[in-house]
Protein backbone atom coordinates (compact mmCIF):
# COMPACT_ATOMS: atom_id res chain seq x y z
CA UNK A 1 0.00 0.00 0.00
CA UNK A 2 1.39 3.37 -0.98
CA UNK A 3 0.68 6.36 1.18
CA UNK A 4 0.55 9.74 -0.52
CA UNK A 5 3.28 12.11 0.74
CA UNK A 6 0.76 14.79 1.78
CA UNK A 7 -1.26 12.26 3.79
CA UNK A 8 1.93 10.90 5.40
CA UNK A 9 2.92 14.45 6.43
CA UNK A 10 -0.54 15.11 7.89
CA UNK A 11 -0.50 11.78 9.75
CA UNK A 12 2.95 12.54 11.22
CA UNK A 13 1.70 15.97 12.35
CA UNK A 14 -1.43 14.48 13.95
CA UNK A 15 0.54 11.79 15.79
CA UNK A 16 2.94 14.30 17.31
CA UNK A 17 0.31 16.99 17.97
CA UNK A 18 -2.21 14.77 19.75
CA UNK A 19 0.38 14.18 22.47
CA UNK A 20 1.55 17.78 22.83
CA UNK A 21 -1.29 20.17 21.90
CA UNK A 22 -4.74 20.58 23.48
CA UNK A 23 -7.75 19.08 21.75
CA UNK A 24 -7.90 16.28 19.22
CA UNK A 25 -6.67 16.14 15.61
CA UNK A 26 -8.03 13.88 12.86
CA UNK A 27 -7.59 13.72 9.08
CA UNK A 28 -10.56 14.07 6.73
CA UNK A 29 -10.76 14.13 2.93
CA UNK A 30 -10.28 17.93 3.13
CA UNK A 31 -7.33 17.86 5.52
CA UNK A 32 -6.78 18.11 9.25
CA UNK A 33 -9.69 18.85 11.59
CA UNK A 34 -8.99 20.07 15.11
CA UNK A 35 -11.47 19.87 17.95
CA UNK A 36 -10.10 22.60 20.22
CA UNK A 37 -11.66 21.39 23.44
CA UNK A 38 -10.74 18.12 25.05
CA UNK A 39 -13.94 16.20 25.68
CA UNK A 40 -15.11 15.97 29.24
CA UNK A 41 -18.19 15.72 31.42
CA UNK A 42 -21.34 14.74 29.51
CA UNK A 43 -19.32 13.79 26.41
CA UNK A 44 -17.20 11.23 28.24
CA UNK A 45 -20.06 9.97 30.41
CA UNK A 46 -22.20 9.40 27.31
CA UNK A 47 -19.41 7.49 25.56
CA UNK A 48 -18.85 5.32 28.65
CA UNK A 49 -22.57 4.66 29.18
CA UNK A 50 -23.18 3.78 25.51
CA UNK A 51 -20.16 1.46 25.59
CA UNK A 52 -21.31 -0.26 28.79
CA UNK A 53 -24.91 -0.61 27.59
CA UNK A 54 -23.79 -2.15 24.31
CA UNK A 55 -21.43 -4.58 26.00
CA UNK A 56 -24.29 -5.86 28.18
CA UNK A 57 -26.18 -7.05 25.07
CA UNK A 58 -23.35 -8.01 22.68
CA UNK A 59 -21.63 -11.40 22.49
CA UNK A 60 -18.41 -11.80 24.50
CA UNK A 61 -16.17 -11.84 21.40
CA UNK A 62 -17.12 -8.20 20.65
CA UNK A 63 -16.14 -4.98 22.40
CA UNK A 64 -17.65 -1.48 22.46
CA UNK A 65 -14.23 0.16 22.68
CA UNK A 66 -13.74 3.81 23.66
CA UNK A 67 -9.97 4.08 23.71
CA UNK A 68 -7.11 4.13 21.25
CA UNK A 69 -6.03 3.39 18.49
CA UNK A 70 -7.34 5.38 15.53
CA UNK A 71 -9.20 3.93 12.57
CA UNK A 72 -7.22 4.57 9.40
CA UNK A 73 -7.93 4.20 5.69
CA UNK A 74 -4.60 5.33 4.23
CA UNK A 75 -5.61 4.88 0.55
CA UNK A 76 -8.57 7.22 1.16
CA UNK A 77 -6.37 9.56 3.23
CA UNK A 78 -8.60 9.40 6.33
CA UNK A 79 -7.61 8.97 9.98
CA UNK A 80 -10.47 9.06 12.49
CA UNK A 81 -10.92 8.32 16.17
CA UNK A 82 -14.48 7.23 16.98
CA UNK A 83 -15.66 7.93 20.52
CA UNK A 84 -16.83 4.30 20.63
CA UNK A 85 -16.29 1.55 18.08
CA UNK A 86 -17.87 -1.88 18.02
CA UNK A 87 -15.17 -4.34 17.00
CA UNK A 88 -14.14 -7.95 17.60
CA UNK A 89 -11.46 -8.44 20.25
CA UNK A 90 -9.32 -10.21 17.62
CA UNK A 91 -9.52 -7.20 15.25
CA UNK A 92 -8.49 -4.81 18.03
CA UNK A 93 -5.37 -6.87 18.76
CA UNK A 94 -3.19 -5.24 16.06
CA UNK A 95 -0.18 -2.95 16.00
CA UNK A 96 -0.93 0.56 14.76
CA UNK A 97 -4.27 1.78 13.47
CA UNK A 98 -7.46 -0.26 13.13
CA UNK A 99 -8.58 -1.39 9.66
CA UNK A 100 -11.96 0.35 9.11
CA UNK A 101 -13.33 -2.76 7.39
CA UNK A 102 -13.18 -4.59 10.75
CA UNK A 103 -15.28 -1.94 12.54
CA UNK A 104 -18.89 -3.06 12.97
CA UNK A 105 -20.14 0.35 14.11
CA UNK A 106 -18.68 3.78 14.83
CA UNK A 107 -20.37 5.89 17.50
CA UNK A 108 -19.78 9.59 18.04
CA UNK A 109 -20.84 11.90 20.84
CA UNK A 110 -21.31 15.36 19.34
CA UNK A 111 -18.75 17.89 20.51
CA UNK A 112 -19.97 21.29 21.67
CA UNK A 113 -17.04 23.02 19.99
CA UNK A 114 -17.25 21.34 16.58
CA UNK A 115 -20.63 19.63 15.94
CA UNK A 116 -20.16 19.63 12.14
CA UNK A 117 -17.25 17.21 12.56
CA UNK A 118 -19.74 14.57 13.76
CA UNK A 119 -22.85 15.54 11.78
CA UNK A 120 -21.17 16.40 8.45
CA UNK A 121 -17.57 15.26 7.88
CA UNK A 122 -17.74 11.93 9.76
CA UNK A 123 -21.10 11.26 8.13
CA UNK A 124 -19.22 11.54 4.83
CA UNK A 125 -15.98 9.81 5.88
CA UNK A 126 -17.32 6.71 7.64
CA UNK A 127 -19.21 5.27 4.62
CA UNK A 128 -16.18 6.10 2.46
CA UNK A 129 -14.12 3.98 4.87
CA UNK A 130 -16.68 1.16 4.64
CA UNK A 131 -17.95 1.36 8.24
CA UNK A 132 -21.46 -0.13 7.93
CA UNK A 133 -23.15 1.58 10.91
CA UNK A 134 -22.65 5.12 12.22
CA UNK A 135 -24.51 6.32 15.34
CA UNK A 136 -24.53 9.91 16.58
CA UNK A 137 -25.54 10.97 20.10
CA UNK A 138 -26.01 14.74 20.54
CA UNK A 139 -25.91 15.97 24.17
CA UNK A 140 -26.69 19.50 22.92
CA UNK A 141 -30.22 18.50 21.86
CA UNK A 142 -30.87 15.14 23.53
CA UNK A 143 -31.31 13.54 20.11
CA UNK A 144 -29.35 11.34 17.74
CA UNK A 145 -29.44 9.22 14.61
CA UNK A 146 -28.22 5.88 13.34
CA UNK A 147 -27.03 5.69 9.73
CA UNK A 148 -26.85 2.41 7.78
CA UNK A 149 -27.04 0.86 4.30
CA UNK A 150 -24.03 2.24 2.43
CA UNK A 151 -24.77 2.82 -1.24
CA UNK A 152 -23.03 4.47 -4.19
CA UNK A 153 -23.83 8.08 -5.05
CA UNK A 154 -22.20 10.51 -7.52
CA UNK A 155 -20.45 12.09 -4.49
CA UNK A 156 -19.14 8.70 -3.31
CA UNK A 157 -20.46 6.10 -0.86
CA UNK A 158 -23.13 7.42 1.52
CA UNK A 159 -25.54 5.99 4.07
CA UNK A 160 -29.01 5.42 2.58
CA UNK A 161 -30.95 4.97 5.84
CA UNK A 162 -31.22 7.38 8.76
CA UNK A 163 -33.19 6.55 11.92
CA UNK A 164 -33.57 9.45 14.32
CA UNK A 165 -34.13 9.05 18.06
CA UNK A 166 -34.62 11.21 21.13
CA UNK A 167 -33.04 10.50 24.49
CA UNK A 168 -35.35 8.24 26.45
CA UNK A 169 -36.11 5.97 23.48
CA UNK A 170 -34.41 2.67 22.76
CA UNK A 171 -31.94 2.81 19.87
CA UNK A 172 -30.69 -0.05 17.71
CA UNK A 173 -27.02 0.04 16.70
CA UNK A 174 -26.17 -2.80 14.31
CA UNK A 175 -27.80 -5.88 15.91
CA UNK A 176 -28.14 -4.53 19.45
CA UNK A 177 -30.79 -2.35 21.08
CA UNK A 178 -29.92 -0.20 24.09
CA UNK A 179 -31.82 2.36 26.17
CA UNK A 180 -30.91 6.04 25.96
CA UNK A 181 -32.64 7.14 29.14
CA UNK A 182 -30.45 8.95 31.65
CA UNK A 183 -27.81 10.06 29.14
CA UNK A 184 -26.47 13.48 30.18
CA UNK A 185 -27.01 16.74 28.33
CA UNK A 186 -24.52 19.60 28.09
CA UNK A 187 -25.07 22.18 30.84
CA UNK A 188 -26.89 25.27 29.68
CA UNK A 189 -28.46 23.56 26.66
CA UNK A 190 -32.24 23.46 26.38
CA UNK A 191 -33.28 20.88 28.93
CA UNK A 192 -29.68 20.41 30.05
CA UNK A 193 -28.53 19.95 33.59
CA UNK A 194 -26.47 22.56 35.37
C-alpha atoms as a PDB file:
ATOM      1  CA  UNK A   1       0.000   0.000   0.000  1.00  0.00           C
ATOM      2  CA  UNK A   2       1.385   3.368  -0.978  1.00  0.00           C
ATOM      3  CA  UNK A   3       0.685   6.364   1.184  1.00  0.00           C
ATOM      4  CA  UNK A   4       0.545   9.744  -0.522  1.00  0.00           C
ATOM      5  CA  UNK A   5       3.277  12.111   0.740  1.00  0.00           C
ATOM      6  CA  UNK A   6       0.761  14.789   1.781  1.00  0.00           C
ATOM      7  CA  UNK A   7      -1.261  12.262   3.792  1.00  0.00           C
ATOM      8  CA  UNK A   8       1.927  10.898   5.398  1.00  0.00           C
ATOM      9  CA  UNK A   9       2.921  14.446   6.430  1.00  0.00           C
ATOM     10  CA  UNK A  10      -0.543  15.108   7.890  1.00  0.00           C
ATOM     11  CA  UNK A  11      -0.503  11.777   9.749  1.00  0.00           C
ATOM     12  CA  UNK A  12       2.950  12.535  11.218  1.00  0.00           C
ATOM     13  CA  UNK A  13       1.697  15.968  12.347  1.00  0.00           C
ATOM     14  CA  UNK A  14      -1.433  14.479  13.947  1.00  0.00           C
ATOM     15  CA  UNK A  15       0.537  11.793  15.786  1.00  0.00           C
ATOM     16  CA  UNK A  16       2.941  14.303  17.313  1.00  0.00           C
ATOM     17  CA  UNK A  17       0.310  16.994  17.972  1.00  0.00           C
ATOM     18  CA  UNK A  18      -2.209  14.768  19.748  1.00  0.00           C
ATOM     19  CA  UNK A  19       0.383  14.180  22.467  1.00  0.00           C
ATOM     20  CA  UNK A  20       1.549  17.776  22.828  1.00  0.00           C
ATOM     21  CA  UNK A  21      -1.288  20.171  21.896  1.00  0.00           C
ATOM     22  CA  UNK A  22      -4.736  20.577  23.476  1.00  0.00           C
ATOM     23  CA  UNK A  23      -7.753  19.084  21.750  1.00  0.00           C
ATOM     24  CA  UNK A  24      -7.905  16.275  19.219  1.00  0.00           C
ATOM     25  CA  UNK A  25      -6.667  16.137  15.613  1.00  0.00           C
ATOM     26  CA  UNK A  26      -8.030  13.882  12.860  1.00  0.00           C
ATOM     27  CA  UNK A  27      -7.593  13.720   9.080  1.00  0.00           C
ATOM     28  CA  UNK A  28     -10.560  14.068   6.725  1.00  0.00           C
ATOM     29  CA  UNK A  29     -10.757  14.132   2.935  1.00  0.00           C
ATOM     30  CA  UNK A  30     -10.279  17.930   3.132  1.00  0.00           C
ATOM     31  CA  UNK A  31      -7.331  17.861   5.518  1.00  0.00           C
ATOM     32  CA  UNK A  32      -6.778  18.113   9.250  1.00  0.00           C
ATOM     33  CA  UNK A  33      -9.685  18.849  11.587  1.00  0.00           C
ATOM     34  CA  UNK A  34      -8.987  20.072  15.114  1.00  0.00           C
ATOM     35  CA  UNK A  35     -11.467  19.874  17.950  1.00  0.00           C
ATOM     36  CA  UNK A  36     -10.095  22.603  20.221  1.00  0.00           C
ATOM     37  CA  UNK A  37     -11.659  21.395  23.444  1.00  0.00           C
ATOM     38  CA  UNK A  38     -10.739  18.124  25.050  1.00  0.00           C
ATOM     39  CA  UNK A  39     -13.944  16.199  25.683  1.00  0.00           C
ATOM     40  CA  UNK A  40     -15.112  15.970  29.244  1.00  0.00           C
ATOM     41  CA  UNK A  41     -18.192  15.720  31.424  1.00  0.00           C
ATOM     42  CA  UNK A  42     -21.343  14.742  29.505  1.00  0.00           C
ATOM     43  CA  UNK A  43     -19.325  13.786  26.408  1.00  0.00           C
ATOM     44  CA  UNK A  44     -17.196  11.226  28.240  1.00  0.00           C
ATOM     45  CA  UNK A  45     -20.061   9.971  30.413  1.00  0.00           C
ATOM     46  CA  UNK A  46     -22.202   9.403  27.309  1.00  0.00           C
ATOM     47  CA  UNK A  47     -19.406   7.492  25.563  1.00  0.00           C
ATOM     48  CA  UNK A  48     -18.849   5.324  28.646  1.00  0.00           C
ATOM     49  CA  UNK A  49     -22.566   4.660  29.182  1.00  0.00           C
ATOM     50  CA  UNK A  50     -23.179   3.783  25.514  1.00  0.00           C
ATOM     51  CA  UNK A  51     -20.159   1.463  25.591  1.00  0.00           C
ATOM     52  CA  UNK A  52     -21.305  -0.262  28.786  1.00  0.00           C
ATOM     53  CA  UNK A  53     -24.914  -0.613  27.595  1.00  0.00           C
ATOM     54  CA  UNK A  54     -23.787  -2.147  24.308  1.00  0.00           C
ATOM     55  CA  UNK A  55     -21.428  -4.584  26.001  1.00  0.00           C
ATOM     56  CA  UNK A  56     -24.291  -5.860  28.183  1.00  0.00           C
ATOM     57  CA  UNK A  57     -26.182  -7.046  25.070  1.00  0.00           C
ATOM     58  CA  UNK A  58     -23.353  -8.007  22.680  1.00  0.00           C
ATOM     59  CA  UNK A  59     -21.633 -11.402  22.487  1.00  0.00           C
ATOM     60  CA  UNK A  60     -18.407 -11.799  24.496  1.00  0.00           C
ATOM     61  CA  UNK A  61     -16.173 -11.836  21.396  1.00  0.00           C
ATOM     62  CA  UNK A  62     -17.116  -8.205  20.649  1.00  0.00           C
ATOM     63  CA  UNK A  63     -16.142  -4.985  22.402  1.00  0.00           C
ATOM     64  CA  UNK A  64     -17.646  -1.483  22.456  1.00  0.00           C
ATOM     65  CA  UNK A  65     -14.227   0.164  22.677  1.00  0.00           C
ATOM     66  CA  UNK A  66     -13.744   3.813  23.661  1.00  0.00           C
ATOM     67  CA  UNK A  67      -9.968   4.076  23.712  1.00  0.00           C
ATOM     68  CA  UNK A  68      -7.114   4.131  21.255  1.00  0.00           C
ATOM     69  CA  UNK A  69      -6.031   3.394  18.494  1.00  0.00           C
ATOM     70  CA  UNK A  70      -7.338   5.378  15.532  1.00  0.00           C
ATOM     71  CA  UNK A  71      -9.199   3.932  12.568  1.00  0.00           C
ATOM     72  CA  UNK A  72      -7.219   4.566   9.399  1.00  0.00           C
ATOM     73  CA  UNK A  73      -7.928   4.203   5.693  1.00  0.00           C
ATOM     74  CA  UNK A  74      -4.596   5.326   4.226  1.00  0.00           C
ATOM     75  CA  UNK A  75      -5.608   4.875   0.547  1.00  0.00           C
ATOM     76  CA  UNK A  76      -8.568   7.224   1.155  1.00  0.00           C
ATOM     77  CA  UNK A  77      -6.367   9.558   3.231  1.00  0.00           C
ATOM     78  CA  UNK A  78      -8.605   9.404   6.330  1.00  0.00           C
ATOM     79  CA  UNK A  79      -7.611   8.968   9.983  1.00  0.00           C
ATOM     80  CA  UNK A  80     -10.465   9.060  12.490  1.00  0.00           C
ATOM     81  CA  UNK A  81     -10.919   8.322  16.167  1.00  0.00           C
ATOM     82  CA  UNK A  82     -14.481   7.228  16.984  1.00  0.00           C
ATOM     83  CA  UNK A  83     -15.658   7.934  20.516  1.00  0.00           C
ATOM     84  CA  UNK A  84     -16.834   4.301  20.628  1.00  0.00           C
ATOM     85  CA  UNK A  85     -16.289   1.550  18.080  1.00  0.00           C
ATOM     86  CA  UNK A  86     -17.867  -1.880  18.021  1.00  0.00           C
ATOM     87  CA  UNK A  87     -15.172  -4.345  17.002  1.00  0.00           C
ATOM     88  CA  UNK A  88     -14.139  -7.946  17.598  1.00  0.00           C
ATOM     89  CA  UNK A  89     -11.459  -8.441  20.245  1.00  0.00           C
ATOM     90  CA  UNK A  90      -9.321 -10.205  17.616  1.00  0.00           C
ATOM     91  CA  UNK A  91      -9.521  -7.202  15.250  1.00  0.00           C
ATOM     92  CA  UNK A  92      -8.486  -4.810  18.025  1.00  0.00           C
ATOM     93  CA  UNK A  93      -5.365  -6.871  18.760  1.00  0.00           C
ATOM     94  CA  UNK A  94      -3.189  -5.239  16.064  1.00  0.00           C
ATOM     95  CA  UNK A  95      -0.183  -2.947  15.996  1.00  0.00           C
ATOM     96  CA  UNK A  96      -0.931   0.560  14.765  1.00  0.00           C
ATOM     97  CA  UNK A  97      -4.273   1.775  13.467  1.00  0.00           C
ATOM     98  CA  UNK A  98      -7.457  -0.256  13.125  1.00  0.00           C
ATOM     99  CA  UNK A  99      -8.575  -1.385   9.659  1.00  0.00           C
ATOM    100  CA  UNK A 100     -11.956   0.346   9.113  1.00  0.00           C
ATOM    101  CA  UNK A 101     -13.326  -2.761   7.394  1.00  0.00           C
ATOM    102  CA  UNK A 102     -13.179  -4.590  10.754  1.00  0.00           C
ATOM    103  CA  UNK A 103     -15.277  -1.943  12.545  1.00  0.00           C
ATOM    104  CA  UNK A 104     -18.887  -3.063  12.968  1.00  0.00           C
ATOM    105  CA  UNK A 105     -20.139   0.353  14.112  1.00  0.00           C
ATOM    106  CA  UNK A 106     -18.679   3.783  14.827  1.00  0.00           C
ATOM    107  CA  UNK A 107     -20.375   5.889  17.502  1.00  0.00           C
ATOM    108  CA  UNK A 108     -19.777   9.592  18.035  1.00  0.00           C
ATOM    109  CA  UNK A 109     -20.836  11.898  20.840  1.00  0.00           C
ATOM    110  CA  UNK A 110     -21.308  15.362  19.338  1.00  0.00           C
ATOM    111  CA  UNK A 111     -18.751  17.895  20.510  1.00  0.00           C
ATOM    112  CA  UNK A 112     -19.974  21.290  21.673  1.00  0.00           C
ATOM    113  CA  UNK A 113     -17.043  23.017  19.995  1.00  0.00           C
ATOM    114  CA  UNK A 114     -17.252  21.341  16.577  1.00  0.00           C
ATOM    115  CA  UNK A 115     -20.628  19.630  15.940  1.00  0.00           C
ATOM    116  CA  UNK A 116     -20.157  19.633  12.144  1.00  0.00           C
ATOM    117  CA  UNK A 117     -17.245  17.213  12.565  1.00  0.00           C
ATOM    118  CA  UNK A 118     -19.736  14.567  13.760  1.00  0.00           C
ATOM    119  CA  UNK A 119     -22.853  15.542  11.778  1.00  0.00           C
ATOM    120  CA  UNK A 120     -21.169  16.402   8.452  1.00  0.00           C
ATOM    121  CA  UNK A 121     -17.574  15.256   7.882  1.00  0.00           C
ATOM    122  CA  UNK A 122     -17.737  11.932   9.758  1.00  0.00           C
ATOM    123  CA  UNK A 123     -21.104  11.256   8.127  1.00  0.00           C
ATOM    124  CA  UNK A 124     -19.221  11.543   4.831  1.00  0.00           C
ATOM    125  CA  UNK A 125     -15.978   9.812   5.877  1.00  0.00           C
ATOM    126  CA  UNK A 126     -17.323   6.713   7.638  1.00  0.00           C
ATOM    127  CA  UNK A 127     -19.214   5.275   4.622  1.00  0.00           C
ATOM    128  CA  UNK A 128     -16.181   6.100   2.457  1.00  0.00           C
ATOM    129  CA  UNK A 129     -14.122   3.982   4.868  1.00  0.00           C
ATOM    130  CA  UNK A 130     -16.681   1.159   4.644  1.00  0.00           C
ATOM    131  CA  UNK A 131     -17.950   1.358   8.243  1.00  0.00           C
ATOM    132  CA  UNK A 132     -21.460  -0.133   7.930  1.00  0.00           C
ATOM    133  CA  UNK A 133     -23.153   1.581  10.909  1.00  0.00           C
ATOM    134  CA  UNK A 134     -22.653   5.120  12.217  1.00  0.00           C
ATOM    135  CA  UNK A 135     -24.511   6.315  15.342  1.00  0.00           C
ATOM    136  CA  UNK A 136     -24.528   9.914  16.585  1.00  0.00           C
ATOM    137  CA  UNK A 137     -25.541  10.971  20.099  1.00  0.00           C
ATOM    138  CA  UNK A 138     -26.007  14.737  20.536  1.00  0.00           C
ATOM    139  CA  UNK A 139     -25.913  15.971  24.165  1.00  0.00           C
ATOM    140  CA  UNK A 140     -26.693  19.502  22.916  1.00  0.00           C
ATOM    141  CA  UNK A 141     -30.220  18.501  21.860  1.00  0.00           C
ATOM    142  CA  UNK A 142     -30.872  15.137  23.527  1.00  0.00           C
ATOM    143  CA  UNK A 143     -31.306  13.538  20.109  1.00  0.00           C
ATOM    144  CA  UNK A 144     -29.350  11.341  17.742  1.00  0.00           C
ATOM    145  CA  UNK A 145     -29.440   9.225  14.610  1.00  0.00           C
ATOM    146  CA  UNK A 146     -28.225   5.875  13.341  1.00  0.00           C
ATOM    147  CA  UNK A 147     -27.034   5.691   9.726  1.00  0.00           C
ATOM    148  CA  UNK A 148     -26.848   2.408   7.780  1.00  0.00           C
ATOM    149  CA  UNK A 149     -27.036   0.856   4.300  1.00  0.00           C
ATOM    150  CA  UNK A 150     -24.030   2.241   2.425  1.00  0.00           C
ATOM    151  CA  UNK A 151     -24.774   2.820  -1.241  1.00  0.00           C
ATOM    152  CA  UNK A 152     -23.032   4.466  -4.189  1.00  0.00           C
ATOM    153  CA  UNK A 153     -23.831   8.080  -5.055  1.00  0.00           C
ATOM    154  CA  UNK A 154     -22.204  10.508  -7.517  1.00  0.00           C
ATOM    155  CA  UNK A 155     -20.446  12.092  -4.494  1.00  0.00           C
ATOM    156  CA  UNK A 156     -19.135   8.703  -3.307  1.00  0.00           C
ATOM    157  CA  UNK A 157     -20.456   6.102  -0.855  1.00  0.00           C
ATOM    158  CA  UNK A 158     -23.127   7.420   1.518  1.00  0.00           C
ATOM    159  CA  UNK A 159     -25.542   5.987   4.070  1.00  0.00           C
ATOM    160  CA  UNK A 160     -29.012   5.418   2.585  1.00  0.00           C
ATOM    161  CA  UNK A 161     -30.946   4.974   5.842  1.00  0.00           C
ATOM    162  CA  UNK A 162     -31.225   7.381   8.764  1.00  0.00           C
ATOM    163  CA  UNK A 163     -33.193   6.550  11.918  1.00  0.00           C
ATOM    164  CA  UNK A 164     -33.570   9.455  14.324  1.00  0.00           C
ATOM    165  CA  UNK A 165     -34.128   9.051  18.059  1.00  0.00           C
ATOM    166  CA  UNK A 166     -34.616  11.215  21.133  1.00  0.00           C
ATOM    167  CA  UNK A 167     -33.044  10.504  24.487  1.00  0.00           C
ATOM    168  CA  UNK A 168     -35.348   8.243  26.454  1.00  0.00           C
ATOM    169  CA  UNK A 169     -36.112   5.972  23.481  1.00  0.00           C
ATOM    170  CA  UNK A 170     -34.411   2.671  22.761  1.00  0.00           C
ATOM    171  CA  UNK A 171     -31.945   2.808  19.868  1.00  0.00           C
ATOM    172  CA  UNK A 172     -30.691  -0.051  17.711  1.00  0.00           C
ATOM    173  CA  UNK A 173     -27.021   0.039  16.699  1.00  0.00           C
ATOM    174  CA  UNK A 174     -26.166  -2.802  14.311  1.00  0.00           C
ATOM    175  CA  UNK A 175     -27.802  -5.875  15.914  1.00  0.00           C
ATOM    176  CA  UNK A 176     -28.141  -4.525  19.453  1.00  0.00           C
ATOM    177  CA  UNK A 177     -30.786  -2.350  21.082  1.00  0.00           C
ATOM    178  CA  UNK A 178     -29.921  -0.202  24.086  1.00  0.00           C
ATOM    179  CA  UNK A 179     -31.824   2.361  26.172  1.00  0.00           C
ATOM    180  CA  UNK A 180     -30.909   6.040  25.957  1.00  0.00           C
ATOM    181  CA  UNK A 181     -32.638   7.139  29.140  1.00  0.00           C
ATOM    182  CA  UNK A 182     -30.448   8.947  31.645  1.00  0.00           C
ATOM    183  CA  UNK A 183     -27.810  10.065  29.140  1.00  0.00           C
ATOM    184  CA  UNK A 184     -26.472  13.480  30.183  1.00  0.00           C
ATOM    185  CA  UNK A 185     -27.006  16.744  28.333  1.00  0.00           C
ATOM    186  CA  UNK A 186     -24.520  19.598  28.085  1.00  0.00           C
ATOM    187  CA  UNK A 187     -25.074  22.178  30.844  1.00  0.00           C
ATOM    188  CA  UNK A 188     -26.887  25.268  29.682  1.00  0.00           C
ATOM    189  CA  UNK A 189     -28.456  23.557  26.663  1.00  0.00           C
ATOM    190  CA  UNK A 190     -32.237  23.457  26.379  1.00  0.00           C
ATOM    191  CA  UNK A 191     -33.284  20.878  28.928  1.00  0.00           C
ATOM    192  CA  UNK A 192     -29.679  20.415  30.054  1.00  0.00           C
ATOM    193  CA  UNK A 193     -28.529  19.953  33.588  1.00  0.00           C
ATOM    194  CA  UNK A 194     -26.465  22.562  35.372  1.00  0.00           C
END
